[in-house]
Each structure stands twice: as structure tokens, then as C-alpha cells.
Amino acid sequence: MQNTSKQYDEVTAKCRSLFINKMSDYGSAWRILRLPSLTDQIFIKAQRIRQLQENDTRKVDEDEVSEFIGIINYSIMALIQLEKGVVEQPDLDVDQAVSLYDQHMLTTKTLMENKNHDYGEAWRDMRVSSLTDLILQKLLRVKQIEDNQGKTIVSEGIDANYQDMINYAVFALILMNE
């Protein structure tokens, strides 16, 4: 588990660095996005990963790594939107956005550690393609919950699904790096 924590931190540090650089370039323009728009962005990235995994030919010179990072960062943005709500104009500076990013990543890592304890790091025996499929399944669940105006009967909320997607994407990046 100690190695997982270190690997998790290494992966999320790369994601955080990209988030900071994009915040510096674009500001918090993403704050105007409604949750379904963020969900759709994540869905596009997950679908692209699946296509890359299934197709031998690539016409765009990007790999799965950048798409998994995108899933992580868009999911953090979605968690921030859930917490703060959607705005009409960008309203966060880099420091504020990074502080929120760090809070949500810490909460998500804690969830991973708790689940990892209970599941015994079962993800280490999984295929990256299976993690991709689980992310897509979570996305379909989120879309259904969004279509139901956030109401669920027995299911976990949207936030838990975004956190699971982050953790699955981090696991995939760890496995791809081993």
C-alpha cells in the first residue's frame, strides 16, 4: 500500500501540474460549464481511450496517457462545480482553483486508500482496458443520474462516481507505467 500511495502521488502531481499550467493559460473559463458538459468531456476522453485500445491505426499523435490525465482533471473540475455551482463568468484565480483541486484530490485519495484496504489492491491484477470500461460504466451512471435531475433511490451520488473515475484513471496510469 505504501508503494501505491507514492505512485498515486506521482501520477496526481503530473495531473496537478497540467491543471496549473492550463489555469495559467486559460484562467477558470471551465467554471461556466454545467455538469453534463463536463461529463460529456470525460465521456469523449474515455471513448477515445477505448478506441485507441481497440484500433491499430492512430491518426492523431496522442496516446492514452493524456486522455487518462484529462479524465482526472475534468473529474476534479466536476467535483469543484458540484461544490461551488456553475457561474456566468470565470471567478477563480490560480491559487483558489489549485486549493480546491488539492482538497478534492485529497478526499479522493483517502477514498482510494479506504477501498484499497478493503479490496486488497485488486486493481493491480486488472487490465487497463477493464479500468477503461469501468470508467465508461461510471459515466453512463452519471449521465442517468443527471437525466434524473440528481435524484437516486439507492445509488451513491454523482460525486462518488467522479471520485471512482479519478481513481480508476490513476490506477490505469500506474499500471501503464509499470
N, C-alpha and C. Protein backbone atom coordinates (compact mmCIF):
# COMPACT_ATOMS: atom_id res chain seq x y z
N MET A 1 0.83 -1.20 0.00
CA MET A 1 0.00 0.00 0.00
C MET A 1 0.87 1.26 0.00
N GLN A 2 2.01 1.18 0.67
CA GLN A 2 2.91 2.34 0.71
C GLN A 2 3.34 2.73 -0.70
N ASN A 3 3.67 1.72 -1.53
CA ASN A 3 4.07 1.96 -2.90
C ASN A 3 2.92 2.57 -3.70
N THR A 4 1.70 2.11 -3.45
CA THR A 4 0.54 2.65 -4.14
C THR A 4 0.38 4.13 -3.83
N SER A 5 0.52 4.49 -2.56
CA SER A 5 0.38 5.89 -2.17
C SER A 5 1.41 6.77 -2.88
N LYS A 6 2.64 6.30 -2.95
CA LYS A 6 3.70 7.05 -3.63
C LYS A 6 3.41 7.15 -5.13
N GLN A 7 3.02 6.03 -5.74
CA GLN A 7 2.69 6.05 -7.17
C GLN A 7 1.50 6.95 -7.46
N TYR A 8 0.51 6.91 -6.58
CA TYR A 8 -0.68 7.76 -6.71
C TYR A 8 -0.26 9.23 -6.71
N ASP A 9 0.60 9.58 -5.75
CA ASP A 9 1.06 10.97 -5.64
C ASP A 9 1.85 11.40 -6.87
N GLU A 10 2.66 10.50 -7.42
CA GLU A 10 3.42 10.83 -8.63
C GLU A 10 2.50 11.11 -9.81
N VAL A 11 1.49 10.26 -9.99
CA VAL A 11 0.55 10.45 -11.09
C VAL A 11 -0.24 11.74 -10.91
N THR A 12 -0.77 11.95 -9.71
CA THR A 12 -1.61 13.13 -9.49
C THR A 12 -0.79 14.42 -9.51
N ALA A 13 0.49 14.34 -9.19
CA ALA A 13 1.35 15.54 -9.30
C ALA A 13 1.46 15.99 -10.76
N LYS A 14 1.55 15.03 -11.69
CA LYS A 14 1.60 15.37 -13.12
C LYS A 14 0.28 16.01 -13.55
N CYS A 15 -0.82 15.44 -13.07
CA CYS A 15 -2.14 15.98 -13.41
C CYS A 15 -2.30 17.40 -12.87
N ARG A 16 -1.88 17.59 -11.63
CA ARG A 16 -1.96 18.89 -10.97
C ARG A 16 -1.12 19.93 -11.71
N SER A 17 0.07 19.54 -12.13
CA SER A 17 0.95 20.45 -12.86
C SER A 17 0.30 20.90 -14.17
N LEU A 18 -0.31 19.97 -14.89
CA LEU A 18 -1.00 20.33 -16.13
C LEU A 18 -2.19 21.25 -15.83
N PHE A 19 -2.93 20.94 -14.77
CA PHE A 19 -4.06 21.79 -14.37
C PHE A 19 -3.59 23.22 -14.10
N ILE A 20 -2.50 23.37 -13.37
CA ILE A 20 -1.96 24.70 -13.06
C ILE A 20 -1.54 25.42 -14.34
N ASN A 21 -0.86 24.72 -15.23
CA ASN A 21 -0.43 25.35 -16.49
C ASN A 21 -1.62 25.78 -17.34
N LYS A 22 -2.66 24.95 -17.39
CA LYS A 22 -3.84 25.34 -18.16
C LYS A 22 -4.59 26.48 -17.49
N MET A 23 -4.61 26.49 -16.16
CA MET A 23 -5.21 27.63 -15.45
C MET A 23 -4.45 28.91 -15.78
N SER A 24 -3.14 28.82 -15.88
CA SER A 24 -2.32 29.99 -16.22
C SER A 24 -2.61 30.46 -17.64
N ASP A 25 -2.84 29.52 -18.55
CA ASP A 25 -3.13 29.87 -19.94
C ASP A 25 -4.55 30.38 -20.15
N TYR A 26 -5.53 29.69 -19.54
CA TYR A 26 -6.93 29.93 -19.85
C TYR A 26 -7.75 30.53 -18.71
N GLY A 27 -7.18 30.58 -17.52
CA GLY A 27 -7.96 31.01 -16.37
C GLY A 27 -8.98 29.94 -16.02
N SER A 28 -10.00 30.33 -15.31
CA SER A 28 -11.02 29.36 -14.88
C SER A 28 -12.26 29.41 -15.78
N ALA A 29 -12.02 29.49 -17.09
CA ALA A 29 -13.12 29.51 -18.06
C ALA A 29 -14.03 28.29 -17.90
N TRP A 30 -13.47 27.17 -17.43
CA TRP A 30 -14.24 25.95 -17.22
C TRP A 30 -15.34 26.12 -16.17
N ARG A 31 -15.28 27.16 -15.36
CA ARG A 31 -16.28 27.38 -14.31
C ARG A 31 -17.67 27.65 -14.88
N ILE A 32 -17.77 27.98 -16.16
CA ILE A 32 -19.09 28.21 -16.76
C ILE A 32 -19.75 26.90 -17.22
N LEU A 33 -18.99 25.81 -17.22
CA LEU A 33 -19.52 24.54 -17.72
C LEU A 33 -20.49 23.90 -16.74
N ARG A 34 -21.63 23.51 -17.25
CA ARG A 34 -22.58 22.75 -16.44
C ARG A 34 -22.07 21.31 -16.31
N LEU A 35 -22.54 20.62 -15.29
CA LEU A 35 -22.07 19.26 -15.04
C LEU A 35 -22.22 18.32 -16.25
N PRO A 36 -23.37 18.34 -16.95
CA PRO A 36 -23.47 17.46 -18.12
C PRO A 36 -22.39 17.76 -19.18
N SER A 37 -21.97 19.00 -19.30
CA SER A 37 -20.90 19.33 -20.25
C SER A 37 -19.58 18.72 -19.82
N LEU A 38 -19.29 18.78 -18.53
CA LEU A 38 -18.07 18.15 -18.02
C LEU A 38 -18.14 16.63 -18.17
N THR A 39 -19.30 16.07 -17.85
CA THR A 39 -19.49 14.63 -18.01
C THR A 39 -19.26 14.22 -19.46
N ASP A 40 -19.78 15.00 -20.39
CA ASP A 40 -19.59 14.69 -21.81
C ASP A 40 -18.12 14.79 -22.22
N GLN A 41 -17.38 15.75 -21.67
CA GLN A 41 -15.95 15.85 -21.97
C GLN A 41 -15.21 14.61 -21.48
N ILE A 42 -15.56 14.15 -20.29
CA ILE A 42 -14.93 12.94 -19.75
C ILE A 42 -15.31 11.74 -20.61
N PHE A 43 -16.58 11.70 -21.02
CA PHE A 43 -17.06 10.60 -21.87
C PHE A 43 -16.28 10.54 -23.18
N ILE A 44 -16.04 11.70 -23.79
CA ILE A 44 -15.27 11.75 -25.04
C ILE A 44 -13.88 11.18 -24.83
N LYS A 45 -13.26 11.55 -23.73
CA LYS A 45 -11.91 11.07 -23.43
C LYS A 45 -11.90 9.55 -23.20
N ALA A 46 -12.88 9.05 -22.46
CA ALA A 46 -12.95 7.61 -22.19
C ALA A 46 -13.23 6.83 -23.49
N GLN A 47 -14.11 7.37 -24.32
CA GLN A 47 -14.40 6.72 -25.61
C GLN A 47 -13.15 6.69 -26.48
N ARG A 48 -12.39 7.77 -26.46
CA ARG A 48 -11.16 7.83 -27.25
C ARG A 48 -10.16 6.79 -26.77
N ILE A 49 -10.04 6.64 -25.45
CA ILE A 49 -9.14 5.63 -24.89
C ILE A 49 -9.57 4.25 -25.39
N ARG A 50 -10.86 4.00 -25.33
CA ARG A 50 -11.36 2.68 -25.77
C ARG A 50 -11.04 2.45 -27.25
N GLN A 51 -11.22 3.49 -28.06
CA GLN A 51 -10.89 3.36 -29.49
C GLN A 51 -9.40 3.12 -29.69
N LEU A 52 -8.56 3.82 -28.92
CA LEU A 52 -7.11 3.62 -29.03
C LEU A 52 -6.73 2.18 -28.64
N GLN A 53 -7.43 1.65 -27.65
CA GLN A 53 -7.15 0.29 -27.20
C GLN A 53 -7.60 -0.75 -28.22
N GLU A 54 -8.61 -0.42 -29.02
CA GLU A 54 -9.16 -1.39 -29.97
C GLU A 54 -8.61 -1.25 -31.38
N ASN A 55 -8.12 -0.06 -31.74
CA ASN A 55 -7.66 0.19 -33.10
C ASN A 55 -6.13 0.14 -33.18
N ASP A 56 -5.64 -0.40 -34.29
CA ASP A 56 -4.20 -0.43 -34.52
C ASP A 56 -3.68 0.87 -35.11
N THR A 57 -4.52 1.56 -35.88
CA THR A 57 -4.10 2.77 -36.57
C THR A 57 -4.54 4.01 -35.79
N ARG A 58 -3.63 4.98 -35.67
CA ARG A 58 -3.94 6.25 -34.99
C ARG A 58 -3.67 7.39 -35.95
N LYS A 59 -4.64 8.27 -36.09
CA LYS A 59 -4.48 9.41 -37.00
C LYS A 59 -4.10 10.69 -36.25
N VAL A 60 -4.22 10.68 -34.94
CA VAL A 60 -3.80 11.81 -34.11
C VAL A 60 -2.71 11.29 -33.17
N ASP A 61 -1.62 12.03 -33.08
CA ASP A 61 -0.47 11.57 -32.30
C ASP A 61 -0.63 11.88 -30.82
N GLU A 62 -1.59 11.22 -30.20
CA GLU A 62 -1.76 11.29 -28.75
C GLU A 62 -2.01 9.87 -28.28
N ASP A 63 -1.62 9.62 -27.04
CA ASP A 63 -1.82 8.28 -26.52
C ASP A 63 -2.83 8.30 -25.38
N GLU A 64 -3.00 7.15 -24.77
CA GLU A 64 -3.96 7.01 -23.68
C GLU A 64 -3.59 7.84 -22.46
N VAL A 65 -2.32 8.05 -22.25
CA VAL A 65 -1.86 8.75 -21.05
C VAL A 65 -2.51 10.13 -20.94
N SER A 66 -2.45 10.90 -22.00
CA SER A 66 -3.01 12.26 -21.95
C SER A 66 -4.53 12.23 -21.75
N GLU A 67 -5.17 11.20 -22.27
CA GLU A 67 -6.62 11.10 -22.09
C GLU A 67 -6.99 10.71 -20.66
N PHE A 68 -6.22 9.81 -20.04
CA PHE A 68 -6.47 9.47 -18.64
C PHE A 68 -6.23 10.70 -17.74
N ILE A 69 -5.20 11.47 -18.05
CA ILE A 69 -4.95 12.70 -17.29
C ILE A 69 -6.13 13.65 -17.46
N GLY A 70 -6.66 13.75 -18.66
CA GLY A 70 -7.83 14.58 -18.91
C GLY A 70 -9.03 14.13 -18.10
N ILE A 71 -9.23 12.83 -17.99
CA ILE A 71 -10.34 12.29 -17.19
C ILE A 71 -10.18 12.73 -15.74
N ILE A 72 -8.97 12.62 -15.23
CA ILE A 72 -8.70 13.02 -13.84
C ILE A 72 -9.00 14.49 -13.65
N ASN A 73 -8.46 15.34 -14.51
CA ASN A 73 -8.62 16.78 -14.32
C ASN A 73 -10.05 17.26 -14.55
N TYR A 74 -10.72 16.72 -15.56
CA TYR A 74 -12.13 17.09 -15.76
C TYR A 74 -13.00 16.60 -14.61
N SER A 75 -12.67 15.45 -14.04
CA SER A 75 -13.44 14.95 -12.89
C SER A 75 -13.25 15.84 -11.67
N ILE A 76 -12.04 16.32 -11.47
CA ILE A 76 -11.81 17.27 -10.37
C ILE A 76 -12.61 18.55 -10.62
N MET A 77 -12.60 19.04 -11.85
CA MET A 77 -13.39 20.23 -12.18
C MET A 77 -14.86 19.99 -11.88
N ALA A 78 -15.35 18.80 -12.20
CA ALA A 78 -16.76 18.47 -11.94
C ALA A 78 -17.03 18.47 -10.43
N LEU A 79 -16.12 17.93 -9.65
CA LEU A 79 -16.30 17.94 -8.19
C LEU A 79 -16.31 19.37 -7.65
N ILE A 80 -15.48 20.23 -8.23
CA ILE A 80 -15.48 21.65 -7.83
C ILE A 80 -16.82 22.29 -8.21
N GLN A 81 -17.31 21.99 -9.40
CA GLN A 81 -18.60 22.54 -9.82
C GLN A 81 -19.73 22.06 -8.91
N LEU A 82 -19.67 20.79 -8.51
CA LEU A 82 -20.68 20.28 -7.58
C LEU A 82 -20.66 21.06 -6.27
N GLU A 83 -19.47 21.37 -5.81
CA GLU A 83 -19.32 22.10 -4.55
C GLU A 83 -19.71 23.57 -4.67
N LYS A 84 -19.24 24.23 -5.70
CA LYS A 84 -19.36 25.69 -5.80
C LYS A 84 -20.51 26.16 -6.70
N GLY A 85 -21.00 25.28 -7.56
CA GLY A 85 -22.03 25.69 -8.51
C GLY A 85 -21.42 26.29 -9.76
N VAL A 86 -22.23 26.40 -10.78
CA VAL A 86 -21.82 26.96 -12.07
C VAL A 86 -21.94 28.47 -11.99
N VAL A 87 -21.02 29.17 -12.66
CA VAL A 87 -21.04 30.63 -12.68
C VAL A 87 -21.15 31.13 -14.12
N GLU A 88 -21.50 32.40 -14.25
CA GLU A 88 -21.63 33.01 -15.58
C GLU A 88 -20.29 33.49 -16.13
N GLN A 89 -19.36 33.81 -15.22
CA GLN A 89 -18.03 34.30 -15.61
C GLN A 89 -16.97 33.60 -14.75
N PRO A 90 -15.79 33.39 -15.31
CA PRO A 90 -14.72 32.79 -14.50
C PRO A 90 -14.52 33.58 -13.21
N ASP A 91 -14.37 32.87 -12.10
CA ASP A 91 -14.33 33.55 -10.80
C ASP A 91 -13.21 33.07 -9.88
N LEU A 92 -12.36 32.18 -10.36
CA LEU A 92 -11.29 31.66 -9.52
C LEU A 92 -9.93 32.03 -10.10
N ASP A 93 -9.03 32.49 -9.24
CA ASP A 93 -7.66 32.67 -9.70
C ASP A 93 -6.93 31.33 -9.55
N VAL A 94 -5.70 31.29 -9.99
CA VAL A 94 -4.94 30.04 -9.98
C VAL A 94 -4.85 29.47 -8.57
N ASP A 95 -4.51 30.30 -7.59
CA ASP A 95 -4.34 29.80 -6.22
C ASP A 95 -5.64 29.24 -5.64
N GLN A 96 -6.75 29.91 -5.89
CA GLN A 96 -8.04 29.42 -5.39
C GLN A 96 -8.39 28.07 -6.05
N ALA A 97 -8.21 28.01 -7.35
CA ALA A 97 -8.54 26.79 -8.09
C ALA A 97 -7.65 25.62 -7.64
N VAL A 98 -6.37 25.89 -7.45
CA VAL A 98 -5.45 24.83 -7.03
C VAL A 98 -5.77 24.37 -5.61
N SER A 99 -6.17 25.27 -4.76
CA SER A 99 -6.56 24.90 -3.40
C SER A 99 -7.77 23.95 -3.44
N LEU A 100 -8.76 24.26 -4.25
CA LEU A 100 -9.93 23.39 -4.41
C LEU A 100 -9.53 22.06 -5.04
N TYR A 101 -8.67 22.13 -6.04
CA TYR A 101 -8.17 20.92 -6.70
C TYR A 101 -7.54 20.00 -5.65
N ASP A 102 -6.65 20.58 -4.83
CA ASP A 102 -5.94 19.78 -3.82
C ASP A 102 -6.90 19.18 -2.79
N GLN A 103 -7.91 19.94 -2.38
CA GLN A 103 -8.89 19.43 -1.41
C GLN A 103 -9.62 18.21 -1.98
N HIS A 104 -10.08 18.33 -3.22
CA HIS A 104 -10.83 17.23 -3.83
C HIS A 104 -9.93 16.03 -4.13
N MET A 105 -8.68 16.29 -4.50
CA MET A 105 -7.77 15.18 -4.75
C MET A 105 -7.45 14.45 -3.45
N LEU A 106 -7.29 15.18 -2.36
CA LEU A 106 -7.02 14.54 -1.06
C LEU A 106 -8.20 13.67 -0.63
N THR A 107 -9.41 14.19 -0.77
CA THR A 107 -10.60 13.42 -0.43
C THR A 107 -10.69 12.16 -1.29
N THR A 108 -10.36 12.28 -2.56
CA THR A 108 -10.43 11.16 -3.49
C THR A 108 -9.34 10.13 -3.18
N LYS A 109 -8.16 10.61 -2.83
CA LYS A 109 -7.08 9.68 -2.45
C LYS A 109 -7.45 8.93 -1.17
N THR A 110 -8.05 9.61 -0.22
CA THR A 110 -8.47 8.96 1.02
C THR A 110 -9.48 7.86 0.72
N LEU A 111 -10.42 8.14 -0.18
CA LEU A 111 -11.39 7.12 -0.61
C LEU A 111 -10.66 5.92 -1.21
N MET A 112 -9.67 6.19 -2.07
CA MET A 112 -8.89 5.12 -2.68
C MET A 112 -8.20 4.28 -1.61
N GLU A 113 -7.59 4.92 -0.64
CA GLU A 113 -6.88 4.19 0.41
C GLU A 113 -7.84 3.30 1.20
N ASN A 114 -9.01 3.83 1.51
CA ASN A 114 -10.00 3.04 2.24
C ASN A 114 -10.49 1.84 1.43
N LYS A 115 -10.79 2.08 0.15
CA LYS A 115 -11.24 0.99 -0.71
C LYS A 115 -10.12 -0.01 -0.97
N ASN A 116 -8.91 0.51 -1.14
CA ASN A 116 -7.75 -0.36 -1.36
C ASN A 116 -7.54 -1.30 -0.18
N HIS A 117 -7.76 -0.77 1.01
CA HIS A 117 -7.64 -1.60 2.21
C HIS A 117 -8.67 -2.72 2.17
N ASP A 118 -9.91 -2.37 1.85
CA ASP A 118 -10.99 -3.35 1.85
C ASP A 118 -10.91 -4.34 0.70
N TYR A 119 -10.44 -3.89 -0.47
CA TYR A 119 -10.39 -4.76 -1.65
C TYR A 119 -9.03 -5.42 -1.85
N GLY A 120 -8.06 -5.06 -1.03
CA GLY A 120 -6.75 -5.69 -1.14
C GLY A 120 -6.02 -5.41 -2.43
N GLU A 121 -6.14 -4.21 -2.95
CA GLU A 121 -5.45 -3.80 -4.19
C GLU A 121 -5.76 -4.71 -5.38
N ALA A 122 -7.02 -5.12 -5.47
CA ALA A 122 -7.44 -6.00 -6.57
C ALA A 122 -7.17 -5.36 -7.94
N TRP A 123 -7.16 -4.04 -8.01
CA TRP A 123 -6.95 -3.34 -9.29
C TRP A 123 -5.60 -3.69 -9.91
N ARG A 124 -4.64 -4.09 -9.11
CA ARG A 124 -3.30 -4.40 -9.64
C ARG A 124 -3.33 -5.63 -10.57
N ASP A 125 -4.36 -6.45 -10.44
CA ASP A 125 -4.50 -7.63 -11.30
C ASP A 125 -5.44 -7.38 -12.47
N MET A 126 -5.91 -6.16 -12.60
CA MET A 126 -6.83 -5.82 -13.69
C MET A 126 -6.07 -5.36 -14.92
N ARG A 127 -6.76 -5.40 -16.03
CA ARG A 127 -6.23 -4.87 -17.28
C ARG A 127 -6.61 -3.40 -17.40
N VAL A 128 -5.79 -2.63 -18.09
CA VAL A 128 -6.11 -1.21 -18.33
C VAL A 128 -7.42 -1.10 -19.09
N SER A 129 -7.67 -2.02 -20.00
CA SER A 129 -8.92 -1.99 -20.77
C SER A 129 -10.14 -2.16 -19.85
N SER A 130 -10.00 -2.97 -18.81
CA SER A 130 -11.11 -3.13 -17.86
C SER A 130 -11.34 -1.86 -17.06
N LEU A 131 -10.27 -1.18 -16.69
CA LEU A 131 -10.41 0.10 -15.99
C LEU A 131 -11.10 1.13 -16.89
N THR A 132 -10.77 1.10 -18.18
CA THR A 132 -11.44 1.99 -19.14
C THR A 132 -12.93 1.69 -19.18
N ASP A 133 -13.28 0.42 -19.23
CA ASP A 133 -14.69 0.03 -19.26
C ASP A 133 -15.41 0.46 -17.99
N LEU A 134 -14.75 0.34 -16.84
CA LEU A 134 -15.36 0.78 -15.58
C LEU A 134 -15.60 2.29 -15.57
N ILE A 135 -14.66 3.04 -16.14
CA ILE A 135 -14.85 4.49 -16.25
C ILE A 135 -16.06 4.79 -17.13
N LEU A 136 -16.16 4.10 -18.25
CA LEU A 136 -17.32 4.31 -19.14
C LEU A 136 -18.62 3.94 -18.44
N GLN A 137 -18.62 2.86 -17.66
CA GLN A 137 -19.81 2.47 -16.91
C GLN A 137 -20.19 3.57 -15.91
N LYS A 138 -19.21 4.10 -15.20
CA LYS A 138 -19.47 5.18 -14.25
C LYS A 138 -20.04 6.40 -14.97
N LEU A 139 -19.52 6.69 -16.14
CA LEU A 139 -20.03 7.83 -16.92
C LEU A 139 -21.49 7.63 -17.31
N LEU A 140 -21.83 6.43 -17.73
CA LEU A 140 -23.23 6.16 -18.08
C LEU A 140 -24.12 6.29 -16.85
N ARG A 141 -23.63 5.89 -15.69
CA ARG A 141 -24.39 6.08 -14.45
C ARG A 141 -24.58 7.56 -14.15
N VAL A 142 -23.51 8.33 -14.28
CA VAL A 142 -23.61 9.78 -14.02
C VAL A 142 -24.60 10.42 -14.98
N LYS A 143 -24.53 10.06 -16.24
CA LYS A 143 -25.47 10.62 -17.22
C LYS A 143 -26.91 10.31 -16.83
N GLN A 144 -27.16 9.09 -16.38
CA GLN A 144 -28.51 8.72 -15.96
C GLN A 144 -28.94 9.53 -14.74
N ILE A 145 -28.04 9.68 -13.78
CA ILE A 145 -28.37 10.48 -12.59
C ILE A 145 -28.63 11.94 -13.00
N GLU A 146 -27.83 12.46 -13.91
CA GLU A 146 -28.06 13.83 -14.40
C GLU A 146 -29.41 13.93 -15.08
N ASP A 147 -29.76 12.94 -15.89
CA ASP A 147 -31.06 12.93 -16.56
C ASP A 147 -32.21 12.85 -15.56
N ASN A 148 -31.93 12.26 -14.39
CA ASN A 148 -32.92 12.18 -13.31
C ASN A 148 -32.85 13.39 -12.36
N GLN A 149 -32.23 14.47 -12.82
CA GLN A 149 -32.06 15.69 -12.02
C GLN A 149 -31.38 15.42 -10.68
N GLY A 150 -30.44 14.48 -10.68
CA GLY A 150 -29.66 14.19 -9.48
C GLY A 150 -30.31 13.28 -8.47
N LYS A 151 -31.52 12.85 -8.74
CA LYS A 151 -32.24 12.00 -7.79
C LYS A 151 -31.83 10.54 -7.97
N THR A 152 -31.56 9.89 -6.84
CA THR A 152 -31.30 8.45 -6.85
C THR A 152 -32.13 7.81 -5.74
N ILE A 153 -32.39 6.54 -5.88
CA ILE A 153 -33.17 5.81 -4.87
C ILE A 153 -32.22 5.11 -3.89
N VAL A 154 -31.29 4.34 -4.43
CA VAL A 154 -30.37 3.59 -3.57
C VAL A 154 -28.90 3.80 -3.95
N SER A 155 -28.65 4.53 -5.00
CA SER A 155 -27.30 4.64 -5.53
C SER A 155 -26.51 5.76 -4.87
N GLU A 156 -25.18 5.61 -4.95
CA GLU A 156 -24.30 6.68 -4.49
C GLU A 156 -24.49 7.88 -5.41
N GLY A 157 -24.07 9.03 -4.96
CA GLY A 157 -24.28 10.25 -5.73
C GLY A 157 -23.27 10.43 -6.85
N ILE A 158 -23.44 11.51 -7.56
CA ILE A 158 -22.56 11.84 -8.68
C ILE A 158 -21.13 12.01 -8.21
N ASP A 159 -20.93 12.64 -7.05
CA ASP A 159 -19.57 12.89 -6.58
C ASP A 159 -18.78 11.60 -6.41
N ALA A 160 -19.40 10.56 -5.86
CA ALA A 160 -18.71 9.28 -5.66
C ALA A 160 -18.32 8.66 -7.01
N ASN A 161 -19.14 8.84 -8.02
CA ASN A 161 -18.82 8.32 -9.34
C ASN A 161 -17.63 9.06 -9.96
N TYR A 162 -17.59 10.39 -9.81
CA TYR A 162 -16.42 11.14 -10.30
C TYR A 162 -15.16 10.71 -9.56
N GLN A 163 -15.27 10.50 -8.25
CA GLN A 163 -14.10 10.06 -7.49
C GLN A 163 -13.63 8.68 -7.95
N ASP A 164 -14.56 7.78 -8.21
CA ASP A 164 -14.18 6.46 -8.71
C ASP A 164 -13.49 6.57 -10.07
N MET A 165 -13.99 7.45 -10.94
CA MET A 165 -13.36 7.63 -12.25
C MET A 165 -11.93 8.13 -12.10
N ILE A 166 -11.73 9.07 -11.18
CA ILE A 166 -10.37 9.56 -10.93
C ILE A 166 -9.48 8.40 -10.49
N ASN A 167 -9.96 7.63 -9.54
CA ASN A 167 -9.13 6.54 -9.02
C ASN A 167 -8.86 5.48 -10.08
N TYR A 168 -9.85 5.14 -10.89
CA TYR A 168 -9.61 4.17 -11.97
C TYR A 168 -8.59 4.72 -12.97
N ALA A 169 -8.67 5.99 -13.29
CA ALA A 169 -7.72 6.59 -14.23
C ALA A 169 -6.31 6.61 -13.64
N VAL A 170 -6.20 6.92 -12.35
CA VAL A 170 -4.88 6.89 -11.70
C VAL A 170 -4.34 5.45 -11.73
N PHE A 171 -5.18 4.48 -11.41
CA PHE A 171 -4.74 3.08 -11.45
C PHE A 171 -4.24 2.71 -12.86
N ALA A 172 -4.97 3.13 -13.86
CA ALA A 172 -4.57 2.82 -15.24
C ALA A 172 -3.20 3.42 -15.53
N LEU A 173 -2.98 4.67 -15.13
CA LEU A 173 -1.69 5.31 -15.37
C LEU A 173 -0.57 4.62 -14.60
N ILE A 174 -0.85 4.17 -13.38
CA ILE A 174 0.16 3.42 -12.62
C ILE A 174 0.50 2.12 -13.34
N LEU A 175 -0.52 1.37 -13.76
CA LEU A 175 -0.29 0.11 -14.45
C LEU A 175 0.47 0.31 -15.76
N MET A 176 0.14 1.35 -16.49
CA MET A 176 0.81 1.61 -17.76
C MET A 176 2.28 1.98 -17.56
N ASN A 177 2.59 2.51 -16.38
CA ASN A 177 3.96 2.94 -16.09
C ASN A 177 4.81 1.81 -15.52
N GLU A 178 4.18 0.70 -15.14
CA GLU A 178 4.94 -0.41 -14.53
C GLU A 178 5.53 -1.34 -15.57
